[in-house]
Structure formats: C-alpha cells, structure tokens
Amino acid sequence: MSRRMSIAMNWAGACGGCDVSLLDTQGKLLELTAVADVVYWPVALDYKRSDLEALPEKSVDIGLFNGVVRTSEQAEDARRLRERCRVLVAYGACACHGGIPGLANQSDREEIFRVAYQDTVSTDNPDQIRPQQRTPVPGGEVTLPAFHDSVRALHQVVDVDYFLPGCPPTPERILDLLGVVQAYNAGDDLPPAGSILAPEATLCQECPRAETRRAGRMPRLYRPHEIVADPETCFLEQGVICMGPFTRGGCGSACITVNMPCRGCFGPAPGVYDPGAEALSVFGSVAGEGGEDFLSRGEMKRAVNSFRDPLGSVYRFTLPCGIVPRKVKDNGGK
C-alpha cells in the first residue's frame, strides 16, 4: 500500500536552472505533491540549513542534489543529504559530471583568487585583500566556507543511487525520475543502483540529421559562431564541432532542432568513459584534406589549428570526471 513520501532537494554550485526545470513538468509536479511532502527545498521555500541538520538519518525517502561541489559547505551539504536520504539522485549535468563550473579545474584556487581579486582591469585592491575563512568584526567574527582547489561531481563526494543528466534535465527525463519515485512509493522494482535515467543510445542515434553524415575528412573545424550552418545537414559534415557521437541521447535533440550543435550536457554515451578524450582523438584524426601524403606540413597543421578552444569544446560539461580531471602543473618532476 502506498504512503506519503518525503522528498528533499538541495542545490550547491549551480545556476538555479535545475530547480526551475522541475516546473517544466507542469501538471505532473502536482501529481508528485499528491503522494509526497517536500521536507527541504531552500531555493523555493523558506528552509534553512538547520532544517536539514535536524532531519533524522534515513528519514527522507528521495533526495535530489543539483550543482557541483566546490566549497566545504557544499561538501557537507552533500554528506548530510546522503545520510538523511534512502535514495539520492544526482540531478543535472553539474551534479552528474561537473558541468560548466567544472571548467574552473583549468585553474587552482590561487589562480582564481588572483584574477578575481587582483588582475581584472576593474579591480581596485591595492592591499591585495582576499576572502578569509574567519574575519574578526565588532562583536564577533564572520566565517566563510573553504574554497577547494577542484570542482567535483556529486559521486566524487558521496555515493549516488541514480543520475539524471541534462543542463537542465528535460521534461521527458524528469518524468522518468517521477516514475522511479512512484515505483519506490508503490514498492515496485527500481532500476539498478547507479543507473542513468536516460536512453542507452548516443545523441546521433536520435538526431534528425544523422542520415546526412558521410564518412570523410573535415578540412576545417568551426565553432558555432564562425559559420551559418545548414539546418538540414549534419554539423560534422559541415565541419562544425558537435559532441553528438560521444554524448548520451535522451534530450530530444533540443539543441540540434534550433540549429546548434550538441555540447555534451547529457554526459558520456554508453560505453564511453571520457567523451572529451574520445572527441579529441576523432577530431584530430579527421581534421584536414584527404591525400595527406601530398600536403605540406603547414597545410596539415592549418586544419588542426582551426580547432580553437579544444578543452572548452569537448569538456564543456565533463572535465571533473575526465581521465585528467584538472589542469596538471609541471613542478620539475616533483
């Protein structure tokens, strides 16, 4: 017999779009409130961190966590939510794979603070003051969370039961999540732990332009703003960088249908561990004209060098989960 469930939702290093995406389900969200109580959702309701702390362990049925983990406070929130929830879902690209904030792993804490508080043209900070974790003020002190060197996805901090990708998750995939919630409430079988709530297919397999792609070289690689793409032809066929072959499907080709290439927000395609590394290998192999034996070194390099911002293009959403999850400095072998 079904009962009323409890659901907790928390955001960390995020833009807020994942929380808003829940409203995109329209009437379906009302069906959820018919069987569940929201016991924590600070972005939408007047909940404080103390409310989460007060919840007993494993007293919450379903927890949704969106955003990356960058600060000590966010890491603690992740652990508290894990302790209090029977089922924990990484909601959205940031929680699943590191998302766009994960591109900050190109720099460490010191580099970020130096640029933000010293090097920008508009900054007036002659004393080079930086944020401190503890700052004395009249009557006490002000505290701030620790700012970690690296951005992490949720599963790099705590165990995660299910992953719901997307930036943000689409209404169709959110309905898949609601199906899991309803199955949990009814006592039915659930997907295996660790499941990704999206199809076992690449984006190319659902792309309406797939039939226009022919195996061939790419004389030049373009970013979206560098060319007006034909809305009927495969982006790769036009030399436009598209992550469709390396990305999990399930988004309904949302970007493709408005003539924008896939950026990879649904994360690795089935069987792909590091979509960025796969893409770099493929694009590096197919860039250039055919008949390379008859081309000069300069002509061959010209095609490869047309691939601007390779890291930002192929690791836009997944850098913290890549084989090399952050910039590595050469410290003289130390």
Protein backbone atom coordinates (compact mmCIF):
# COMPACT_ATOMS: atom_id res chain seq x y z
CA MET A 1 0.00 0.00 0.00
CA SER A 2 1.39 3.40 -0.94
CA ARG A 3 2.07 6.05 1.68
CA ARG A 4 3.07 9.65 1.69
CA MET A 5 6.74 10.03 0.95
CA SER A 6 9.23 12.72 1.87
CA ILE A 7 11.48 14.47 -0.65
CA ALA A 8 14.44 16.78 -0.03
CA MET A 9 16.07 18.96 -2.70
CA ASN A 10 19.34 20.82 -2.35
CA TRP A 11 21.41 23.00 -4.66
CA ALA A 12 25.15 23.55 -4.44
CA GLY A 13 27.38 25.23 -7.05
CA ALA A 14 24.65 25.81 -9.62
CA CYS A 15 22.80 28.43 -11.66
CA GLY A 16 19.30 27.54 -10.43
CA GLY A 17 18.13 26.18 -13.77
CA CYS A 18 17.77 22.64 -12.43
CA ASP A 19 15.34 23.80 -9.75
CA VAL A 20 13.35 25.75 -12.33
CA SER A 21 13.27 22.71 -14.63
CA LEU A 22 11.06 20.88 -12.14
CA LEU A 23 8.33 23.38 -13.00
CA ASP A 24 8.58 22.44 -16.69
CA THR A 25 6.66 19.25 -15.92
CA GLN A 26 3.60 21.42 -15.27
CA GLY A 27 0.73 19.26 -14.00
CA LYS A 28 2.94 16.23 -13.40
CA LEU A 29 4.61 18.02 -10.50
CA LEU A 30 1.21 18.28 -8.85
CA GLU A 31 0.88 14.51 -9.11
CA LEU A 32 4.10 14.24 -7.11
CA THR A 33 2.83 16.52 -4.37
CA ALA A 34 -0.23 14.29 -4.09
CA VAL A 35 1.93 11.44 -2.78
CA ALA A 36 4.91 13.25 -1.26
CA ASP A 37 5.81 16.04 1.12
CA VAL A 38 8.73 18.36 0.39
CA VAL A 39 10.70 18.50 3.63
CA TYR A 40 13.63 20.58 2.34
CA TRP A 41 13.98 22.85 -0.72
CA PRO A 42 15.80 26.06 0.24
CA VAL A 43 15.80 27.61 -3.24
CA ALA A 44 11.99 27.64 -3.36
CA LEU A 45 10.80 27.60 0.25
CA ASP A 46 11.97 29.14 3.50
CA TYR A 47 14.18 26.29 4.67
CA LYS A 48 17.47 26.82 6.49
CA ARG A 49 20.48 24.52 6.71
CA SER A 50 19.48 23.83 10.30
CA ASP A 51 16.27 22.22 8.99
CA LEU A 52 18.34 19.69 7.04
CA GLU A 53 20.57 19.05 10.04
CA ALA A 54 17.50 18.38 12.21
CA LEU A 55 16.19 15.58 9.99
CA PRO A 56 16.96 12.09 11.38
CA GLU A 57 19.19 9.75 9.38
CA LYS A 58 17.38 7.86 6.59
CA SER A 59 14.17 9.70 7.40
CA VAL A 60 13.82 11.10 3.86
CA ASP A 61 12.77 8.83 1.01
CA ILE A 62 14.19 10.67 -2.02
CA GLY A 63 16.90 13.33 -2.19
CA LEU A 64 17.69 15.44 -5.26
CA PHE A 65 21.06 17.21 -5.34
CA ASN A 66 21.95 19.64 -8.12
CA GLY A 67 25.13 21.61 -8.66
CA VAL A 68 28.84 20.95 -8.25
CA VAL A 69 30.77 20.62 -5.03
CA ARG A 70 33.37 23.38 -4.76
CA THR A 71 33.28 24.55 -1.13
CA SER A 72 33.47 22.85 2.25
CA GLU A 73 29.86 23.89 2.89
CA GLN A 74 28.64 22.22 -0.31
CA ALA A 75 30.56 19.04 0.54
CA GLU A 76 28.98 18.99 3.99
CA ASP A 77 25.51 19.52 2.49
CA ALA A 78 26.12 16.55 0.18
CA ARG A 79 27.10 14.33 3.10
CA ARG A 80 24.15 15.44 5.20
CA LEU A 81 21.70 14.82 2.37
CA ARG A 82 23.22 11.39 1.74
CA GLU A 83 22.91 10.46 5.42
CA ARG A 84 19.27 11.51 5.58
CA CYS A 85 18.02 10.09 2.27
CA ARG A 86 17.33 6.47 1.42
CA VAL A 87 17.69 7.24 -2.31
CA LEU A 88 19.94 10.03 -3.59
CA VAL A 89 19.74 11.37 -7.16
CA ALA A 90 22.41 13.47 -8.88
CA TYR A 91 20.16 15.94 -10.69
CA GLY A 92 21.51 17.74 -13.73
CA ALA A 93 24.83 17.94 -15.57
CA CYS A 94 26.72 19.67 -12.77
CA ALA A 95 25.92 17.05 -10.13
CA CYS A 96 26.39 14.19 -12.62
CA HIS A 97 29.61 15.20 -14.36
CA GLY A 98 30.81 18.59 -13.11
CA GLY A 99 29.03 20.69 -15.72
CA ILE A 100 30.17 24.08 -16.94
CA PRO A 101 31.53 25.08 -13.48
CA GLY A 102 33.93 22.15 -13.87
CA LEU A 103 35.86 24.14 -16.48
CA ALA A 104 37.28 26.04 -13.49
CA ASN A 105 39.53 22.99 -13.00
CA GLN A 106 41.79 24.62 -15.58
CA SER A 107 42.93 26.79 -12.67
CA ASP A 108 43.58 26.24 -8.98
CA ARG A 109 42.29 28.24 -6.05
CA GLU A 110 45.22 30.66 -6.04
CA GLU A 111 44.92 31.44 -9.75
CA ILE A 112 41.18 32.05 -9.47
CA PHE A 113 41.55 34.36 -6.47
CA ARG A 114 44.43 36.26 -8.10
CA VAL A 115 42.39 37.01 -11.22
CA ALA A 116 39.15 37.76 -9.36
CA TYR A 117 40.64 39.99 -6.66
CA GLN A 118 43.76 41.46 -8.29
CA ASP A 119 44.26 41.15 -12.05
CA THR A 120 40.99 42.33 -13.59
CA VAL A 121 41.02 45.85 -15.03
CA SER A 122 38.10 46.99 -12.86
CA THR A 123 39.56 45.72 -9.57
CA ASP A 124 40.83 48.32 -7.08
CA ASN A 125 42.54 46.27 -4.38
CA PRO A 126 45.99 47.75 -3.64
CA ASP A 127 46.29 45.80 -0.36
CA GLN A 128 45.60 42.53 -2.19
CA ILE A 129 42.89 41.56 0.28
CA ARG A 130 41.50 38.06 -0.22
CA PRO A 131 38.43 36.39 1.31
CA GLN A 132 39.29 34.70 4.60
CA GLN A 133 37.52 31.81 6.29
CA ARG A 134 37.44 33.81 9.53
CA THR A 135 37.36 37.60 9.75
CA PRO A 136 37.05 39.46 13.09
CA VAL A 137 34.30 42.07 13.20
CA PRO A 138 32.93 44.15 16.07
CA GLY A 139 31.06 41.79 18.34
CA GLY A 140 32.40 38.54 16.87
CA GLU A 141 33.62 37.16 13.57
CA VAL A 142 32.36 36.43 10.06
CA THR A 143 33.03 32.98 8.62
CA LEU A 144 33.11 31.71 5.03
CA PRO A 145 33.34 28.15 3.69
CA ALA A 146 36.68 26.85 2.46
CA PHE A 147 37.12 27.21 -1.32
CA HIS A 148 38.62 23.96 -2.62
CA ASP A 149 41.21 23.66 -5.38
CA SER A 150 38.97 21.47 -7.55
CA VAL A 151 35.35 21.24 -8.66
CA ARG A 152 33.83 17.80 -8.04
CA ALA A 153 30.72 15.98 -9.18
CA LEU A 154 28.40 14.58 -6.51
CA HIS A 155 29.52 10.94 -6.82
CA GLN A 156 33.10 12.04 -6.17
CA VAL A 157 31.98 13.10 -2.69
CA VAL A 158 29.22 10.63 -1.68
CA ASP A 159 27.57 7.51 -3.04
CA VAL A 160 24.81 8.24 -5.58
CA ASP A 161 21.89 5.94 -6.42
CA TYR A 162 20.71 7.48 -9.71
CA PHE A 163 21.93 10.03 -12.24
CA LEU A 164 19.61 12.37 -14.14
CA PRO A 165 21.72 14.26 -16.73
CA GLY A 166 20.99 17.40 -18.70
CA CYS A 167 21.54 21.15 -18.50
CA PRO A 168 18.91 21.19 -17.27
CA PRO A 169 17.14 17.81 -17.39
CA THR A 170 14.36 17.80 -19.98
CA PRO A 171 10.69 17.31 -19.02
CA GLU A 172 10.74 13.80 -20.53
CA ARG A 173 13.68 12.73 -18.38
CA ILE A 174 12.15 14.35 -15.29
CA LEU A 175 9.08 12.21 -15.91
CA ASP A 176 11.40 9.18 -15.88
CA LEU A 177 12.53 10.31 -12.45
CA LEU A 178 8.94 10.74 -11.30
CA GLY A 179 8.34 7.18 -12.49
CA VAL A 180 11.13 5.99 -10.21
CA VAL A 181 9.62 7.96 -7.33
CA GLN A 182 6.20 6.42 -7.93
CA ALA A 183 7.68 2.92 -8.21
CA TYR A 184 9.51 3.46 -4.93
CA ASN A 185 6.30 4.59 -3.27
CA ALA A 186 4.38 1.57 -4.58
CA GLY A 187 7.08 -0.88 -3.54
CA ASP A 188 7.77 -1.90 -7.16
CA ASP A 189 11.15 -2.85 -8.58
CA LEU A 190 13.56 0.04 -9.09
CA PRO A 191 16.31 0.46 -11.68
CA PRO A 192 19.69 -0.93 -10.57
CA ALA A 193 21.69 1.37 -8.32
CA GLY A 194 23.95 3.63 -10.34
CA SER A 195 21.55 3.77 -13.30
CA ILE A 196 21.47 6.79 -15.59
CA LEU A 197 17.90 7.88 -16.18
CA ALA A 198 18.31 8.35 -19.94
CA PRO A 199 18.30 6.07 -23.00
CA GLU A 200 21.13 3.63 -23.76
CA ALA A 201 21.96 5.37 -27.02
CA THR A 202 24.06 8.19 -28.43
CA LEU A 203 22.59 11.51 -29.44
CA CYS A 204 23.43 10.69 -33.07
CA GLN A 205 21.03 7.75 -32.92
CA GLU A 206 18.11 10.11 -32.32
CA CYS A 207 19.39 13.06 -34.35
CA PRO A 208 17.14 14.05 -37.29
CA ARG A 209 20.24 14.88 -39.36
CA ALA A 210 22.01 11.53 -38.88
CA GLU A 211 21.33 10.29 -42.41
CA THR A 212 23.18 13.24 -43.94
CA ARG A 213 26.51 12.31 -42.34
CA ARG A 214 29.06 10.68 -44.64
CA ALA A 215 32.43 9.35 -43.53
CA GLY A 216 35.02 11.84 -44.67
CA ARG A 217 37.62 14.39 -43.70
CA MET A 218 36.94 17.82 -42.18
CA PRO A 219 39.14 20.40 -43.95
CA ARG A 220 38.44 22.90 -41.19
CA LEU A 221 36.77 22.78 -37.78
CA TYR A 222 34.30 25.53 -36.90
CA ARG A 223 32.76 26.70 -33.67
CA PRO A 224 29.03 27.55 -33.91
CA HIS A 225 29.52 31.32 -34.22
CA GLU A 226 32.04 31.00 -37.04
CA ILE A 227 29.66 29.67 -39.67
CA VAL A 228 25.97 29.82 -40.59
CA ALA A 229 25.15 26.12 -40.55
CA ASP A 230 22.74 24.44 -42.95
CA PRO A 231 19.74 23.47 -40.76
CA GLU A 232 19.23 20.17 -42.60
CA THR A 233 22.78 18.79 -42.76
CA CYS A 234 24.84 17.02 -40.09
CA PHE A 235 27.03 19.52 -38.26
CA LEU A 236 30.09 17.30 -38.57
CA GLU A 237 29.55 17.12 -42.32
CA GLN A 238 29.84 20.93 -42.31
CA GLY A 239 32.95 20.92 -40.13
CA VAL A 240 31.09 22.22 -37.06
CA ILE A 241 32.24 20.71 -33.77
CA CYS A 242 29.41 18.54 -32.44
CA MET A 243 29.59 16.17 -29.46
CA GLY A 244 26.68 14.03 -30.65
CA PRO A 245 28.71 10.84 -31.33
CA PHE A 246 30.18 10.88 -27.82
CA THR A 247 27.13 12.02 -25.82
CA ARG A 248 24.21 10.08 -24.37
CA GLY A 249 20.89 10.71 -26.08
CA GLY A 250 17.57 11.46 -24.46
CA CYS A 251 17.39 15.23 -24.81
CA GLY A 252 15.12 15.08 -27.83
CA SER A 253 17.85 16.73 -29.92
CA ALA A 254 16.84 20.02 -28.31
CA CYS A 255 19.90 21.97 -29.46
CA ILE A 256 20.01 20.35 -32.89
CA THR A 257 16.43 21.38 -33.66
CA VAL A 258 17.35 25.06 -33.19
CA ASN A 259 20.46 24.68 -35.39
CA MET A 260 23.01 24.45 -32.60
CA PRO A 261 25.42 21.50 -32.28
CA CYS A 262 25.46 19.21 -29.28
CA ARG A 263 27.64 20.49 -26.44
CA GLY A 264 27.56 17.25 -24.43
CA CYS A 265 25.34 18.08 -21.44
CA PHE A 266 23.92 14.54 -21.16
CA GLY A 267 27.39 13.20 -20.44
CA PRO A 268 29.22 10.17 -21.84
CA ALA A 269 27.45 7.95 -24.34
CA PRO A 270 27.00 4.30 -23.29
CA GLY A 271 30.38 2.58 -23.34
CA VAL A 272 32.30 5.86 -23.38
CA TYR A 273 34.35 6.66 -20.28
CA ASP A 274 35.78 10.03 -21.30
CA PRO A 275 33.84 11.76 -24.11
CA GLY A 276 36.34 14.60 -24.28
CA ALA A 277 39.27 12.28 -24.90
CA GLU A 278 37.26 10.36 -27.49
CA ALA A 279 36.33 13.57 -29.29
CA LEU A 280 39.90 14.88 -29.30
CA SER A 281 41.09 11.62 -30.81
CA VAL A 282 38.42 11.62 -33.52
CA PHE A 283 38.62 15.30 -34.45
CA GLY A 284 42.41 15.14 -34.53
CA SER A 285 42.23 12.18 -36.90
CA VAL A 286 39.68 13.55 -39.38
CA ALA A 287 40.81 17.18 -39.50
CA GLY A 288 42.40 18.07 -42.82
CA GLU A 289 42.11 17.34 -46.50
CA GLY A 290 42.39 13.89 -47.99
CA GLY A 291 45.67 12.76 -49.54
CA GLU A 292 47.90 13.95 -46.71
CA ASP A 293 50.92 12.30 -48.34
CA PHE A 294 50.85 15.15 -50.86
CA LEU A 295 50.25 18.01 -48.40
CA SER A 296 52.87 20.20 -46.80
CA ARG A 297 53.35 20.20 -43.04
CA GLY A 298 51.90 23.71 -42.91
CA GLU A 299 48.75 22.70 -44.76
CA MET A 300 48.21 19.77 -42.41
CA LYS A 301 48.71 21.94 -39.32
CA ARG A 302 46.31 24.57 -40.62
CA ALA A 303 43.33 22.23 -40.31
CA VAL A 304 44.29 21.05 -36.83
CA ASN A 305 44.94 24.61 -35.64
CA SER A 306 41.43 25.63 -36.75
CA PHE A 307 40.20 23.64 -33.74
CA ARG A 308 40.00 26.56 -31.28
CA ASP A 309 39.41 26.09 -27.55
CA PRO A 310 39.51 22.29 -27.70
CA LEU A 311 39.13 21.83 -23.95
CA GLY A 312 36.14 24.14 -23.70
CA SER A 313 34.57 22.49 -26.73
CA VAL A 314 34.86 18.82 -25.79
CA TYR A 315 34.96 19.00 -21.97
CA ARG A 316 32.32 21.68 -21.53
CA PHE A 317 30.27 19.52 -19.14
CA THR A 318 32.55 16.64 -18.09
CA LEU A 319 36.06 17.84 -17.19
CA PRO A 320 35.95 16.87 -13.46
CA CYS A 321 35.12 13.29 -14.48
CA GLY A 322 37.69 13.05 -17.27
CA ILE A 323 40.78 10.85 -17.27
CA VAL A 324 42.71 14.01 -16.40
CA PRO A 325 40.13 15.90 -14.30
CA ARG A 326 42.02 19.14 -13.93
CA LYS A 327 45.00 21.11 -15.20
CA VAL A 328 48.25 19.45 -14.15
CA LYS A 329 51.26 21.63 -13.46
CA ASP A 330 54.81 20.58 -14.22
CA ASN A 331 56.71 21.03 -10.98
CA GLY A 332 60.04 19.82 -12.25
CA GLY A 333 59.12 16.19 -11.75
CA LYS A 334 58.13 16.68 -8.10
